[in-house]
Amino acid sequence: MKKPASFRVLLLTSALAATSVTLAMPASAHHGWSWAEAKEVAMDATITAISLNPPHPELTVTDAEGNEWVIELGNPGRTTRAGFVDGVAKAGDTVTILGNRSLDPAERVMKAVRITLAGTNYDFYPERIDA
């Protein structure tokens, strides 16, 4: 039995809407600052992995307690302008991260405004650094 045209349109529209929502979720996951605490915190950590790829470069680090964190840097342009380019850091380097933690305490994610490595500051969002 053939379904009426209106049913097929409704089914197609529903499928497209569900796909749009699903695809948009990862893209909006951590863009902007609304997902992060307002208060900046500092953390000393050791780099375990580096990715300078879009949409936002990030570090994977281990803190003093052995917890693994994902540290989001600025967008690729900001990260490059800050001087944090390929070869500046490597796994095993110790860094101090100044940034804003996720609002979700179970999520070990931080948006960095500054990374300090070997006495050099790499400021991704200098306008956000509390004086």
C-alpha atoms as a PDB file:
ATOM      1  CA  MET A   1       0.000   0.000   0.000  1.00  0.00           C
ATOM      2  CA  LYS A   2       1.380   3.342  -1.041  1.00  0.00           C
ATOM      3  CA  LYS A   3       1.674   6.006   1.669  1.00  0.00           C
ATOM      4  CA  PRO A   4       0.049   9.396   1.000  1.00  0.00           C
ATOM      5  CA  ALA A   5       2.365  12.176  -0.216  1.00  0.00           C
ATOM      6  CA  SER A   6       1.805  14.204   2.966  1.00  0.00           C
ATOM      7  CA  PHE A   7       3.049  11.289   5.097  1.00  0.00           C
ATOM      8  CA  ARG A   8       6.213  10.972   2.981  1.00  0.00           C
ATOM      9  CA  VAL A   9       6.861  14.732   3.282  1.00  0.00           C
ATOM     10  CA  LEU A  10       6.359  14.573   7.060  1.00  0.00           C
ATOM     11  CA  LEU A  11       8.694  11.586   7.333  1.00  0.00           C
ATOM     12  CA  LEU A  12      11.377  13.281   5.202  1.00  0.00           C
ATOM     13  CA  THR A  13      11.061  16.559   7.127  1.00  0.00           C
ATOM     14  CA  SER A  14      11.399  14.748  10.457  1.00  0.00           C
ATOM     15  CA  ALA A  15      14.461  12.847   9.269  1.00  0.00           C
ATOM     16  CA  LEU A  16      16.128  16.041   8.015  1.00  0.00           C
ATOM     17  CA  ALA A  17      15.384  17.880  11.267  1.00  0.00           C
ATOM     18  CA  ALA A  18      16.824  15.050  13.366  1.00  0.00           C
ATOM     19  CA  THR A  19      19.942  14.939  11.199  1.00  0.00           C
ATOM     20  CA  SER A  20      20.422  18.719  11.471  1.00  0.00           C
ATOM     21  CA  VAL A  21      20.204  18.641  15.255  1.00  0.00           C
ATOM     22  CA  THR A  22      22.575  15.678  15.484  1.00  0.00           C
ATOM     23  CA  LEU A  23      25.180  17.288  13.228  1.00  0.00           C
ATOM     24  CA  ALA A  24      24.975  20.670  14.964  1.00  0.00           C
ATOM     25  CA  MET A  25      25.525  19.321  18.476  1.00  0.00           C
ATOM     26  CA  PRO A  26      29.247  18.487  18.252  1.00  0.00           C
ATOM     27  CA  ALA A  27      30.011  21.692  16.389  1.00  0.00           C
ATOM     28  CA  SER A  28      28.529  23.858  19.130  1.00  0.00           C
ATOM     29  CA  ALA A  29      29.825  21.812  22.036  1.00  0.00           C
ATOM     30  CA  HIS A  30      32.525  24.161  23.290  1.00  0.00           C
ATOM     31  CA  HIS A  31      32.432  27.232  21.111  1.00  0.00           C
ATOM     32  CA  GLY A  32      32.142  30.492  23.003  1.00  0.00           C
ATOM     33  CA  TRP A  33      32.427  30.730  26.775  1.00  0.00           C
ATOM     34  CA  SER A  34      28.931  29.944  28.108  1.00  0.00           C
ATOM     35  CA  TRP A  35      29.992  26.362  28.938  1.00  0.00           C
ATOM     36  CA  ALA A  36      32.851  27.547  31.184  1.00  0.00           C
ATOM     37  CA  GLU A  37      33.077  28.988  34.698  1.00  0.00           C
ATOM     38  CA  ALA A  38      33.573  32.756  34.882  1.00  0.00           C
ATOM     39  CA  LYS A  39      36.456  32.475  37.353  1.00  0.00           C
ATOM     40  CA  GLU A  40      39.919  31.858  35.936  1.00  0.00           C
ATOM     41  CA  VAL A  41      42.056  29.203  37.574  1.00  0.00           C
ATOM     42  CA  ALA A  42      45.684  28.161  37.150  1.00  0.00           C
ATOM     43  CA  MET A  43      46.831  24.576  36.817  1.00  0.00           C
ATOM     44  CA  ASP A  44      50.276  23.043  36.467  1.00  0.00           C
ATOM     45  CA  ALA A  45      50.299  20.005  34.214  1.00  0.00           C
ATOM     46  CA  THR A  46      52.370  17.840  31.909  1.00  0.00           C
ATOM     47  CA  ILE A  47      51.526  17.672  28.208  1.00  0.00           C
ATOM     48  CA  THR A  48      50.709  14.177  26.976  1.00  0.00           C
ATOM     49  CA  ALA A  49      49.413  15.092  23.483  1.00  0.00           C
ATOM     50  CA  ILE A  50      49.125  18.141  21.221  1.00  0.00           C
ATOM     51  CA  SER A  51      46.706  18.805  18.367  1.00  0.00           C
ATOM     52  CA  LEU A  52      46.919  22.107  16.504  1.00  0.00           C
ATOM     53  CA  ASN A  53      44.128  21.112  14.098  1.00  0.00           C
ATOM     54  CA  PRO A  54      40.839  23.014  13.612  1.00  0.00           C
ATOM     55  CA  PRO A  55      38.251  23.723  14.843  1.00  0.00           C
ATOM     56  CA  HIS A  56      40.254  24.521  17.969  1.00  0.00           C
ATOM     57  CA  PRO A  57      43.741  23.330  18.811  1.00  0.00           C
ATOM     58  CA  GLU A  58      44.001  21.503  22.115  1.00  0.00           C
ATOM     59  CA  LEU A  59      46.386  19.915  24.538  1.00  0.00           C
ATOM     60  CA  THR A  60      45.849  16.762  26.509  1.00  0.00           C
ATOM     61  CA  VAL A  61      47.573  17.122  29.868  1.00  0.00           C
ATOM     62  CA  THR A  62      47.925  15.296  33.166  1.00  0.00           C
ATOM     63  CA  ASP A  63      47.613  17.313  36.383  1.00  0.00           C
ATOM     64  CA  ALA A  64      49.519  16.750  39.655  1.00  0.00           C
ATOM     65  CA  GLU A  65      46.888  14.236  40.830  1.00  0.00           C
ATOM     66  CA  GLY A  66      47.223  12.166  37.647  1.00  0.00           C
ATOM     67  CA  ASN A  67      43.933  13.335  36.111  1.00  0.00           C
ATOM     68  CA  GLU A  68      43.791  13.766  32.348  1.00  0.00           C
ATOM     69  CA  TRP A  69      42.435  17.087  31.036  1.00  0.00           C
ATOM     70  CA  VAL A  70      41.617  18.477  27.616  1.00  0.00           C
ATOM     71  CA  ILE A  71      42.814  22.066  27.292  1.00  0.00           C
ATOM     72  CA  GLU A  72      41.191  24.012  24.471  1.00  0.00           C
ATOM     73  CA  LEU A  73      43.396  26.728  23.015  1.00  0.00           C
ATOM     74  CA  GLY A  74      42.247  29.616  20.828  1.00  0.00           C
ATOM     75  CA  ASN A  75      41.019  29.077  17.297  1.00  0.00           C
ATOM     76  CA  PRO A  76      43.865  28.271  14.868  1.00  0.00           C
ATOM     77  CA  GLY A  77      44.439  31.961  14.014  1.00  0.00           C
ATOM     78  CA  ARG A  78      44.590  33.045  17.666  1.00  0.00           C
ATOM     79  CA  THR A  79      46.831  30.133  18.546  1.00  0.00           C
ATOM     80  CA  THR A  80      49.267  31.036  15.758  1.00  0.00           C
ATOM     81  CA  ARG A  81      49.215  34.760  16.668  1.00  0.00           C
ATOM     82  CA  ALA A  82      49.979  33.809  20.266  1.00  0.00           C
ATOM     83  CA  GLY A  83      53.110  32.062  18.974  1.00  0.00           C
ATOM     84  CA  PHE A  84      51.989  28.582  20.027  1.00  0.00           C
ATOM     85  CA  VAL A  85      52.923  26.853  16.799  1.00  0.00           C
ATOM     86  CA  ASP A  86      54.129  23.408  15.786  1.00  0.00           C
ATOM     87  CA  GLY A  87      57.378  22.582  17.582  1.00  0.00           C
ATOM     88  CA  VAL A  88      56.988  25.048  20.488  1.00  0.00           C
ATOM     89  CA  ALA A  89      55.837  22.320  22.882  1.00  0.00           C
ATOM     90  CA  LYS A  90      56.088  18.561  23.029  1.00  0.00           C
ATOM     91  CA  ALA A  91      54.739  15.707  25.088  1.00  0.00           C
ATOM     92  CA  GLY A  92      56.472  15.671  28.457  1.00  0.00           C
ATOM     93  CA  ASP A  93      56.746  19.467  28.761  1.00  0.00           C
ATOM     94  CA  THR A  94      55.429  21.023  31.964  1.00  0.00           C
ATOM     95  CA  VAL A  95      53.056  23.945  31.494  1.00  0.00           C
ATOM     96  CA  THR A  96      51.012  26.307  33.609  1.00  0.00           C
ATOM     97  CA  ILE A  97      47.541  26.816  32.221  1.00  0.00           C
ATOM     98  CA  LEU A  98      45.439  29.845  33.065  1.00  0.00           C
ATOM     99  CA  GLY A  99      41.877  29.388  31.970  1.00  0.00           C
ATOM    100  CA  ASN A 100      38.259  28.643  32.665  1.00  0.00           C
ATOM    101  CA  ARG A 101      37.045  25.179  33.668  1.00  0.00           C
ATOM    102  CA  SER A 102      33.914  23.536  32.378  1.00  0.00           C
ATOM    103  CA  LEU A 103      30.768  24.248  34.377  1.00  0.00           C
ATOM    104  CA  ASP A 104      30.321  20.478  34.607  1.00  0.00           C
ATOM    105  CA  PRO A 105      32.620  19.358  37.457  1.00  0.00           C
ATOM    106  CA  ALA A 106      32.691  15.817  36.050  1.00  0.00           C
ATOM    107  CA  GLU A 107      34.156  17.112  32.788  1.00  0.00           C
ATOM    108  CA  ARG A 108      37.908  17.733  32.833  1.00  0.00           C
ATOM    109  CA  VAL A 109      37.963  20.400  30.146  1.00  0.00           C
ATOM    110  CA  MET A 110      39.428  23.885  30.373  1.00  0.00           C
ATOM    111  CA  LYS A 111      39.511  26.777  27.914  1.00  0.00           C
ATOM    112  CA  ALA A 112      42.999  28.297  28.116  1.00  0.00           C
ATOM    113  CA  VAL A 113      43.487  32.048  28.025  1.00  0.00           C
ATOM    114  CA  ARG A 114      47.246  31.638  28.603  1.00  0.00           C
ATOM    115  CA  ILE A 115      49.773  28.818  28.561  1.00  0.00           C
ATOM    116  CA  THR A 116      53.144  29.396  30.209  1.00  0.00           C
ATOM    117  CA  LEU A 117      55.920  27.128  28.982  1.00  0.00           C
ATOM    118  CA  ALA A 118      59.581  27.495  30.007  1.00  0.00           C
ATOM    119  CA  GLY A 119      58.963  31.063  31.215  1.00  0.00           C
ATOM    120  CA  THR A 120      57.214  32.191  28.012  1.00  0.00           C
ATOM    121  CA  ASN A 121      53.557  33.239  28.063  1.00  0.00           C
ATOM    122  CA  TYR A 122      51.374  32.303  25.104  1.00  0.00           C
ATOM    123  CA  ASP A 123      48.273  34.492  25.404  1.00  0.00           C
ATOM    124  CA  PHE A 124      45.328  33.181  23.389  1.00  0.00           C
ATOM    125  CA  TYR A 125      42.789  35.597  24.876  1.00  0.00           C
ATOM    126  CA  PRO A 126      44.789  38.455  26.439  1.00  0.00           C
ATOM    127  CA  GLU A 127      41.652  40.578  26.743  1.00  0.00           C
ATOM    128  CA  ARG A 128      40.160  37.975  29.125  1.00  0.00           C
ATOM    129  CA  ILE A 129      43.105  37.689  31.514  1.00  0.00           C
ATOM    130  CA  ASP A 130      42.196  39.014  34.951  1.00  0.00           C
ATOM    131  CA  ALA A 131      44.650  41.684  36.045  1.00  0.00           C
END
